[in-house]
Amino acid sequence: MDVPYDLTSYIRVLKMATTPTTNEFFQVSKIAGAGILLVGLVGFLIGAIMLLLPGGV
């Protein structure tokens, strides 16, 4: 593991990185929010099915 080489590659990546524009940020936020809602909905449906099945806890 060559530490100086690793540090220079990390610095090069950080120099190329830019902050997202407002539109990019909102688009990523909408996609992430939709994913969270989808996972929550699937979990809720699984929980509801487990309760409705005979012997559900």
N, C-alpha and C. Protein backbone atom coordinates (compact mmCIF):
# COMPACT_ATOMS: atom_id res chain seq x y z
N MET A 1 0.85 -1.18 0.00
CA MET A 1 0.00 0.00 0.00
C MET A 1 0.89 1.24 0.00
N ASP A 2 0.82 2.00 -1.06
CA ASP A 2 1.65 3.19 -1.22
C ASP A 2 0.87 4.41 -0.75
N VAL A 3 1.15 4.88 0.46
CA VAL A 3 0.36 5.96 1.06
C VAL A 3 0.46 7.26 0.28
N PRO A 4 1.64 7.73 -0.13
CA PRO A 4 1.67 8.99 -0.89
C PRO A 4 0.86 8.92 -2.19
N TYR A 5 0.90 7.78 -2.87
CA TYR A 5 0.11 7.64 -4.10
C TYR A 5 -1.38 7.71 -3.79
N ASP A 6 -1.79 7.05 -2.71
CA ASP A 6 -3.19 7.07 -2.34
C ASP A 6 -3.65 8.48 -2.00
N LEU A 7 -2.83 9.23 -1.29
CA LEU A 7 -3.21 10.59 -0.92
C LEU A 7 -3.34 11.48 -2.14
N THR A 8 -2.44 11.35 -3.10
CA THR A 8 -2.53 12.19 -4.30
C THR A 8 -3.77 11.83 -5.12
N SER A 9 -4.13 10.57 -5.16
CA SER A 9 -5.34 10.20 -5.91
C SER A 9 -6.59 10.73 -5.20
N TYR A 10 -6.60 10.72 -3.87
CA TYR A 10 -7.74 11.27 -3.14
C TYR A 10 -7.85 12.77 -3.36
N ILE A 11 -6.72 13.46 -3.35
CA ILE A 11 -6.72 14.91 -3.56
C ILE A 11 -7.19 15.24 -4.97
N ARG A 12 -6.77 14.44 -5.95
CA ARG A 12 -7.19 14.67 -7.33
C ARG A 12 -8.71 14.52 -7.46
N VAL A 13 -9.29 13.53 -6.79
CA VAL A 13 -10.74 13.32 -6.84
C VAL A 13 -11.45 14.49 -6.17
N LEU A 14 -10.94 14.95 -5.03
CA LEU A 14 -11.58 16.06 -4.33
C LEU A 14 -11.52 17.35 -5.14
N LYS A 15 -10.44 17.55 -5.89
CA LYS A 15 -10.34 18.75 -6.73
C LYS A 15 -11.35 18.70 -7.87
N MET A 16 -11.65 17.51 -8.40
CA MET A 16 -12.60 17.39 -9.50
C MET A 16 -14.04 17.48 -9.02
N ALA A 17 -14.28 17.18 -7.76
CA ALA A 17 -15.65 17.15 -7.24
C ALA A 17 -16.21 18.57 -7.14
N THR A 18 -17.48 18.70 -7.47
CA THR A 18 -18.15 19.99 -7.35
C THR A 18 -19.44 19.79 -6.58
N THR A 19 -19.96 20.88 -6.05
CA THR A 19 -21.24 20.79 -5.34
C THR A 19 -22.36 20.70 -6.38
N PRO A 20 -23.42 19.97 -6.07
CA PRO A 20 -24.49 19.84 -7.04
C PRO A 20 -25.29 21.14 -7.18
N THR A 21 -25.88 21.32 -8.33
CA THR A 21 -26.77 22.46 -8.51
C THR A 21 -28.06 22.20 -7.75
N THR A 22 -28.88 23.23 -7.63
CA THR A 22 -30.14 23.09 -6.91
C THR A 22 -31.04 22.05 -7.57
N ASN A 23 -31.08 22.05 -8.90
CA ASN A 23 -31.92 21.09 -9.61
C ASN A 23 -31.44 19.66 -9.39
N GLU A 24 -30.12 19.45 -9.43
CA GLU A 24 -29.57 18.12 -9.19
C GLU A 24 -29.89 17.66 -7.77
N PHE A 25 -29.75 18.57 -6.81
CA PHE A 25 -30.02 18.21 -5.42
C PHE A 25 -31.48 17.80 -5.23
N PHE A 26 -32.40 18.57 -5.80
CA PHE A 26 -33.82 18.24 -5.65
C PHE A 26 -34.17 16.94 -6.36
N GLN A 27 -33.55 16.67 -7.50
CA GLN A 27 -33.81 15.42 -8.20
C GLN A 27 -33.33 14.22 -7.39
N VAL A 28 -32.14 14.32 -6.82
CA VAL A 28 -31.63 13.23 -5.99
C VAL A 28 -32.49 13.07 -4.74
N SER A 29 -32.94 14.18 -4.16
CA SER A 29 -33.79 14.12 -2.97
C SER A 29 -35.11 13.43 -3.28
N LYS A 30 -35.70 13.74 -4.42
CA LYS A 30 -36.97 13.11 -4.81
C LYS A 30 -36.79 11.60 -5.01
N ILE A 31 -35.71 11.21 -5.67
CA ILE A 31 -35.47 9.79 -5.92
C ILE A 31 -35.23 9.06 -4.61
N ALA A 32 -34.42 9.64 -3.72
CA ALA A 32 -34.15 9.01 -2.43
C ALA A 32 -35.43 8.92 -1.60
N GLY A 33 -36.24 9.97 -1.60
CA GLY A 33 -37.49 9.95 -0.86
C GLY A 33 -38.45 8.90 -1.40
N ALA A 34 -38.51 8.77 -2.72
CA ALA A 34 -39.38 7.75 -3.31
C ALA A 34 -38.90 6.35 -2.93
N GLY A 35 -37.60 6.14 -2.89
CA GLY A 35 -37.06 4.84 -2.48
C GLY A 35 -37.39 4.53 -1.02
N ILE A 36 -37.28 5.53 -0.15
CA ILE A 36 -37.62 5.33 1.26
C ILE A 36 -39.09 4.99 1.42
N LEU A 37 -39.95 5.72 0.70
CA LEU A 37 -41.38 5.44 0.77
C LEU A 37 -41.70 4.05 0.24
N LEU A 38 -41.05 3.64 -0.84
CA LEU A 38 -41.30 2.32 -1.41
C LEU A 38 -40.89 1.21 -0.44
N VAL A 39 -39.74 1.36 0.19
CA VAL A 39 -39.30 0.35 1.15
C VAL A 39 -40.24 0.31 2.34
N GLY A 40 -40.70 1.47 2.81
CA GLY A 40 -41.65 1.51 3.91
C GLY A 40 -42.98 0.87 3.55
N LEU A 41 -43.44 1.11 2.34
CA LEU A 41 -44.70 0.52 1.89
C LEU A 41 -44.60 -0.99 1.80
N VAL A 42 -43.50 -1.48 1.29
CA VAL A 42 -43.30 -2.94 1.20
C VAL A 42 -43.27 -3.54 2.60
N GLY A 43 -42.58 -2.90 3.53
CA GLY A 43 -42.53 -3.39 4.90
C GLY A 43 -43.90 -3.37 5.56
N PHE A 44 -44.67 -2.31 5.30
CA PHE A 44 -46.02 -2.23 5.86
C PHE A 44 -46.91 -3.33 5.30
N LEU A 45 -46.83 -3.57 4.00
CA LEU A 45 -47.64 -4.62 3.39
C LEU A 45 -47.27 -6.00 3.93
N ILE A 46 -45.99 -6.25 4.09
CA ILE A 46 -45.57 -7.54 4.65
C ILE A 46 -46.08 -7.68 6.07
N GLY A 47 -46.00 -6.62 6.87
CA GLY A 47 -46.50 -6.66 8.24
C GLY A 47 -48.00 -6.87 8.29
N ALA A 48 -48.73 -6.21 7.39
CA ALA A 48 -50.19 -6.37 7.36
C ALA A 48 -50.58 -7.79 6.95
N ILE A 49 -49.87 -8.35 6.00
CA ILE A 49 -50.17 -9.72 5.56
C ILE A 49 -49.87 -10.69 6.71
N MET A 50 -48.77 -10.47 7.42
CA MET A 50 -48.42 -11.35 8.53
C MET A 50 -49.48 -11.29 9.64
N LEU A 51 -50.07 -10.13 9.87
CA LEU A 51 -51.12 -10.00 10.88
C LEU A 51 -52.42 -10.67 10.44
N LEU A 52 -52.71 -10.63 9.15
CA LEU A 52 -53.97 -11.19 8.65
C LEU A 52 -53.92 -12.71 8.52
N LEU A 53 -52.74 -13.27 8.39
CA LEU A 53 -52.63 -14.72 8.27
C LEU A 53 -52.98 -15.38 9.60
N PRO A 54 -53.59 -16.57 9.56
CA PRO A 54 -53.89 -17.27 10.80
C PRO A 54 -52.60 -17.56 11.59
N GLY A 55 -52.62 -17.30 12.87
CA GLY A 55 -51.47 -17.54 13.72
C GLY A 55 -50.46 -16.42 13.69
N GLY A 56 -50.82 -15.29 13.12
CA GLY A 56 -49.90 -14.14 13.10
C GLY A 56 -49.77 -13.56 14.49
N VAL A 57 -48.59 -13.05 14.77
CA VAL A 57 -48.33 -12.50 16.11
C VAL A 57 -48.59 -11.02 16.11
